[in-house]
Amino acid sequence: MPEFMLTSDASNANFSSTMIAEGPAVRMFERWQKQLIETDLEVMHRVIEHAVQSGRLPQHAWEQVEVQAAAPSVHVRDRLQEAKQSEIEFANLVLSRQTWCQRAGLDFDQEQANRMADQTK
């Protein structure tokens, strides 16, 4: 792990060396995220199973629900490059508006409501 991540002081590091130093830490954090996602999904599956067994959800809840989890990016972000990539994926019908909102950390339903409110002004 690079020193600045422990001390919050990057004053003695140049940009290129901090990018190289982040490599192993980024991979470690991504492994941790993957493990946490797997654990979280197991918990959610147990919650749904318990809800079915206790009668709070219908017996066929698994056919109606898909539990998904995604971790935030731990990479150094180039937001302009990410936006360009999303724009290309959207134009080629690979990416939906809702997924684009999720990638940007926005609530799709709230953004649609905001757009409607803007149009009525």
C-alpha atoms as a PDB file:
ATOM      1  CA  MET A   1       0.000   0.000   0.000  1.00  0.00           C
ATOM      2  CA  PRO A   2       1.430   3.403  -0.873  1.00  0.00           C
ATOM      3  CA  GLU A   3       2.585   5.547   2.025  1.00  0.00           C
ATOM      4  CA  PHE A   4       0.153   8.404   1.321  1.00  0.00           C
ATOM      5  CA  MET A   5      -2.816   6.056   1.870  1.00  0.00           C
ATOM      6  CA  LEU A   6      -1.669   5.472   5.431  1.00  0.00           C
ATOM      7  CA  THR A   7      -0.456   8.977   6.266  1.00  0.00           C
ATOM      8  CA  SER A   8      -2.719  11.119   4.009  1.00  0.00           C
ATOM      9  CA  ASP A   9       0.440  13.009   3.066  1.00  0.00           C
ATOM     10  CA  ALA A  10       1.471  12.813  -0.580  1.00  0.00           C
ATOM     11  CA  SER A  11       3.819  15.783  -0.411  1.00  0.00           C
ATOM     12  CA  ASN A  12       6.968  13.692  -0.820  1.00  0.00           C
ATOM     13  CA  ALA A  13       5.729  11.583  -3.735  1.00  0.00           C
ATOM     14  CA  ASN A  14       5.667  12.396  -7.414  1.00  0.00           C
ATOM     15  CA  PHE A  15       2.616  11.501  -9.511  1.00  0.00           C
ATOM     16  CA  SER A  16       4.120   8.596 -11.447  1.00  0.00           C
ATOM     17  CA  SER A  17       5.453   6.845  -8.351  1.00  0.00           C
ATOM     18  CA  THR A  18       2.092   7.154  -6.586  1.00  0.00           C
ATOM     19  CA  MET A  19       0.341   5.617  -9.608  1.00  0.00           C
ATOM     20  CA  ILE A  20       2.753   2.664  -9.589  1.00  0.00           C
ATOM     21  CA  ALA A  21       2.438   2.298  -5.817  1.00  0.00           C
ATOM     22  CA  GLU A  22      -1.357   2.217  -6.029  1.00  0.00           C
ATOM     23  CA  GLY A  23      -1.327  -0.880  -8.264  1.00  0.00           C
ATOM     24  CA  PRO A  24      -1.000  -3.545  -5.551  1.00  0.00           C
ATOM     25  CA  ALA A  25      -3.309  -1.671  -3.180  1.00  0.00           C
ATOM     26  CA  VAL A  26      -5.988  -1.321  -5.857  1.00  0.00           C
ATOM     27  CA  ARG A  27      -5.833  -5.045  -6.580  1.00  0.00           C
ATOM     28  CA  MET A  28      -6.054  -5.810  -2.844  1.00  0.00           C
ATOM     29  CA  PHE A  29      -9.063  -3.502  -2.391  1.00  0.00           C
ATOM     30  CA  GLU A  30     -10.784  -5.050  -5.412  1.00  0.00           C
ATOM     31  CA  ARG A  31     -10.273  -8.534  -3.907  1.00  0.00           C
ATOM     32  CA  TRP A  32     -11.755  -7.317  -0.617  1.00  0.00           C
ATOM     33  CA  GLN A  33     -14.702  -5.804  -2.452  1.00  0.00           C
ATOM     34  CA  LYS A  34     -15.337  -9.062  -4.318  1.00  0.00           C
ATOM     35  CA  GLN A  35     -15.287 -11.011  -1.058  1.00  0.00           C
ATOM     36  CA  LEU A  36     -17.600  -8.510   0.630  1.00  0.00           C
ATOM     37  CA  ILE A  37     -20.033  -8.602  -2.292  1.00  0.00           C
ATOM     38  CA  GLU A  38     -20.139 -12.392  -2.138  1.00  0.00           C
ATOM     39  CA  THR A  39     -20.782 -12.255   1.619  1.00  0.00           C
ATOM     40  CA  ASP A  40     -23.444  -9.564   1.225  1.00  0.00           C
ATOM     41  CA  LEU A  41     -25.208 -11.573  -1.480  1.00  0.00           C
ATOM     42  CA  GLU A  42     -25.197 -14.655   0.758  1.00  0.00           C
ATOM     43  CA  VAL A  43     -26.817 -12.598   3.521  1.00  0.00           C
ATOM     44  CA  MET A  44     -29.442 -11.224   1.143  1.00  0.00           C
ATOM     45  CA  HIS A  45     -30.232 -14.721  -0.102  1.00  0.00           C
ATOM     46  CA  ARG A  46     -30.694 -15.890   3.493  1.00  0.00           C
ATOM     47  CA  VAL A  47     -32.950 -12.899   4.188  1.00  0.00           C
ATOM     48  CA  ILE A  48     -35.128 -13.686   1.176  1.00  0.00           C
ATOM     49  CA  GLU A  49     -35.190 -17.386   2.052  1.00  0.00           C
ATOM     50  CA  HIS A  50     -36.268 -16.558   5.608  1.00  0.00           C
ATOM     51  CA  ALA A  51     -38.948 -14.177   4.316  1.00  0.00           C
ATOM     52  CA  VAL A  52     -40.305 -16.941   2.062  1.00  0.00           C
ATOM     53  CA  GLN A  53     -40.281 -19.475   4.897  1.00  0.00           C
ATOM     54  CA  SER A  54     -42.031 -17.062   7.254  1.00  0.00           C
ATOM     55  CA  GLY A  55     -44.690 -16.234   4.647  1.00  0.00           C
ATOM     56  CA  ARG A  56     -43.659 -12.605   4.130  1.00  0.00           C
ATOM     57  CA  LEU A  57     -42.754 -13.296   0.511  1.00  0.00           C
ATOM     58  CA  PRO A  58     -44.459 -15.643  -1.941  1.00  0.00           C
ATOM     59  CA  GLN A  59     -43.012 -19.115  -2.504  1.00  0.00           C
ATOM     60  CA  HIS A  60     -41.814 -18.143  -5.980  1.00  0.00           C
ATOM     61  CA  ALA A  61     -40.027 -14.961  -4.882  1.00  0.00           C
ATOM     62  CA  TRP A  62     -36.757 -16.181  -6.425  1.00  0.00           C
ATOM     63  CA  GLU A  63     -38.401 -16.127  -9.847  1.00  0.00           C
ATOM     64  CA  GLN A  64     -39.442 -12.491  -9.351  1.00  0.00           C
ATOM     65  CA  VAL A  65     -36.345 -11.045  -7.674  1.00  0.00           C
ATOM     66  CA  GLU A  66     -32.751 -10.796  -8.775  1.00  0.00           C
ATOM     67  CA  VAL A  67     -30.329  -9.577  -6.136  1.00  0.00           C
ATOM     68  CA  GLN A  68     -27.359  -7.695  -7.557  1.00  0.00           C
ATOM     69  CA  ALA A  69     -24.451  -5.923  -5.925  1.00  0.00           C
ATOM     70  CA  ALA A  70     -21.769  -3.667  -7.331  1.00  0.00           C
ATOM     71  CA  ALA A  71     -18.853  -2.026  -5.611  1.00  0.00           C
ATOM     72  CA  PRO A  72     -17.642   1.484  -6.323  1.00  0.00           C
ATOM     73  CA  SER A  73     -14.506   1.909  -8.386  1.00  0.00           C
ATOM     74  CA  VAL A  74     -11.248   1.953  -6.462  1.00  0.00           C
ATOM     75  CA  HIS A  75      -9.256   3.078  -9.481  1.00  0.00           C
ATOM     76  CA  VAL A  76      -8.072   6.603 -10.045  1.00  0.00           C
ATOM     77  CA  ARG A  77     -10.914   7.921 -12.152  1.00  0.00           C
ATOM     78  CA  ASP A  78     -10.839   9.804 -15.409  1.00  0.00           C
ATOM     79  CA  ARG A  79     -14.449  10.981 -15.397  1.00  0.00           C
ATOM     80  CA  LEU A  80     -14.279  12.442 -18.899  1.00  0.00           C
ATOM     81  CA  GLN A  81     -13.014   9.130 -20.313  1.00  0.00           C
ATOM     82  CA  GLU A  82     -15.730   7.236 -18.388  1.00  0.00           C
ATOM     83  CA  ALA A  83     -18.393   9.597 -19.755  1.00  0.00           C
ATOM     84  CA  LYS A  84     -17.137   9.102 -23.310  1.00  0.00           C
ATOM     85  CA  GLN A  85     -17.166   5.337 -22.847  1.00  0.00           C
ATOM     86  CA  SER A  86     -20.732   5.445 -21.475  1.00  0.00           C
ATOM     87  CA  GLU A  87     -21.819   7.664 -24.377  1.00  0.00           C
ATOM     88  CA  ILE A  88     -20.416   5.194 -26.915  1.00  0.00           C
ATOM     89  CA  GLU A  89     -22.009   2.238 -25.107  1.00  0.00           C
ATOM     90  CA  PHE A  90     -25.351   4.066 -24.957  1.00  0.00           C
ATOM     91  CA  ALA A  91     -25.225   5.011 -28.651  1.00  0.00           C
ATOM     92  CA  ASN A  92     -24.544   1.359 -29.541  1.00  0.00           C
ATOM     93  CA  LEU A  93     -27.440   0.123 -27.379  1.00  0.00           C
ATOM     94  CA  VAL A  94     -25.107  -1.622 -24.931  1.00  0.00           C
ATOM     95  CA  LEU A  95     -25.915   0.640 -21.982  1.00  0.00           C
ATOM     96  CA  SER A  96     -29.295   1.799 -20.715  1.00  0.00           C
ATOM     97  CA  ARG A  97     -30.062   5.244 -19.283  1.00  0.00           C
ATOM     98  CA  GLN A  98     -30.740   3.639 -15.910  1.00  0.00           C
ATOM     99  CA  THR A  99     -27.373   1.865 -15.800  1.00  0.00           C
ATOM    100  CA  TRP A 100     -25.677   5.077 -16.909  1.00  0.00           C
ATOM    101  CA  CYS A 101     -27.262   6.842 -13.937  1.00  0.00           C
ATOM    102  CA  GLN A 102     -26.140   4.074 -11.600  1.00  0.00           C
ATOM    103  CA  ARG A 103     -22.555   4.343 -12.848  1.00  0.00           C
ATOM    104  CA  ALA A 104     -22.669   8.070 -12.149  1.00  0.00           C
ATOM    105  CA  GLY A 105     -23.916   7.404  -8.621  1.00  0.00           C
ATOM    106  CA  LEU A 106     -27.335   8.908  -9.319  1.00  0.00           C
ATOM    107  CA  ASP A 107     -30.835   7.641  -8.549  1.00  0.00           C
ATOM    108  CA  PHE A 108     -32.528   7.092 -11.920  1.00  0.00           C
ATOM    109  CA  ASP A 109     -36.100   7.642 -10.682  1.00  0.00           C
ATOM    110  CA  GLN A 110     -35.119  10.856  -8.894  1.00  0.00           C
ATOM    111  CA  GLU A 111     -33.294  12.154 -11.956  1.00  0.00           C
ATOM    112  CA  GLN A 112     -36.326  11.443 -14.162  1.00  0.00           C
ATOM    113  CA  ALA A 113     -38.552  13.311 -11.688  1.00  0.00           C
ATOM    114  CA  ASN A 114     -36.066  16.211 -11.701  1.00  0.00           C
ATOM    115  CA  ARG A 115     -36.112  16.292 -15.515  1.00  0.00           C
ATOM    116  CA  MET A 116     -39.917  16.402 -15.565  1.00  0.00           C
ATOM    117  CA  ALA A 117     -39.894  19.219 -13.021  1.00  0.00           C
ATOM    118  CA  ASP A 118     -37.384  21.147 -15.143  1.00  0.00           C
ATOM    119  CA  GLN A 119     -39.579  20.764 -18.220  1.00  0.00           C
ATOM    120  CA  THR A 120     -42.647  22.189 -16.454  1.00  0.00           C
ATOM    121  CA  LYS A 121     -40.807  25.352 -15.417  1.00  0.00           C
END
